[in-house]
């Protein structure tokens, strides 16, 4: 499992965290699950644009 340290706009982070908690609750690892899901969607989008 990889570790990434990033900087994100405060408003984007706040909204993302709110939505993660709304979807998954306060379970441990929820943020990582949501970020992984978002990254997979982004990869899929970019790869489809390249075709």
Protein backbone atom coordinates (compact mmCIF):
# COMPACT_ATOMS: atom_id res chain seq x y z
CA UNK A 1 0.00 0.00 0.00
CA UNK A 2 1.38 3.38 -0.98
CA UNK A 3 1.51 6.57 1.04
CA UNK A 4 0.98 9.97 -0.60
CA UNK A 5 1.29 13.33 1.15
CA UNK A 6 -0.51 16.10 -0.73
CA UNK A 7 -1.79 19.65 -0.34
CA UNK A 8 -5.42 20.29 -1.26
CA UNK A 9 -7.51 23.45 -1.35
CA UNK A 10 -9.17 23.91 2.06
CA UNK A 11 -12.71 24.04 0.69
CA UNK A 12 -12.20 20.91 -1.43
CA UNK A 13 -10.81 19.04 1.57
CA UNK A 14 -13.66 20.17 3.82
CA UNK A 15 -16.36 19.14 1.34
CA UNK A 16 -14.62 15.83 0.57
CA UNK A 17 -14.34 14.94 4.26
CA UNK A 18 -18.00 15.85 4.83
CA UNK A 19 -19.13 13.61 1.99
CA UNK A 20 -16.86 10.75 3.07
CA UNK A 21 -18.33 10.87 6.57
CA UNK A 22 -21.85 11.05 5.16
CA UNK A 23 -21.26 7.97 2.98
CA UNK A 24 -19.05 5.82 5.24
CA UNK A 25 -19.55 7.27 8.70
CA UNK A 26 -16.60 7.70 11.04
CA UNK A 27 -15.07 4.30 10.36
CA UNK A 28 -11.31 4.04 10.41
CA UNK A 29 -9.86 4.14 6.90
CA UNK A 30 -12.90 5.73 5.26
CA UNK A 31 -10.88 8.64 3.87
CA UNK A 32 -8.40 6.25 2.24
CA UNK A 33 -11.22 4.22 0.71
CA UNK A 34 -12.80 7.36 -0.75
CA UNK A 35 -9.51 8.74 -2.07
CA UNK A 36 -8.74 5.39 -3.70
CA UNK A 37 -12.19 5.38 -5.31
CA UNK A 38 -11.69 8.96 -6.55
CA UNK A 39 -8.26 8.13 -7.98
CA UNK A 40 -9.60 5.06 -9.81
CA UNK A 41 -12.38 7.17 -11.34
CA UNK A 42 -9.88 9.83 -12.41
CA UNK A 43 -7.57 7.22 -13.98
CA UNK A 44 -10.49 5.68 -15.87
CA UNK A 45 -11.58 9.13 -17.12
CA UNK A 46 -8.11 10.13 -18.31
CA UNK A 47 -7.48 6.78 -19.99
CA UNK A 48 -10.81 7.00 -21.86
CA UNK A 49 -9.95 10.53 -23.03
CA UNK A 50 -6.66 9.25 -24.49
CA UNK A 51 -8.44 6.81 -26.81
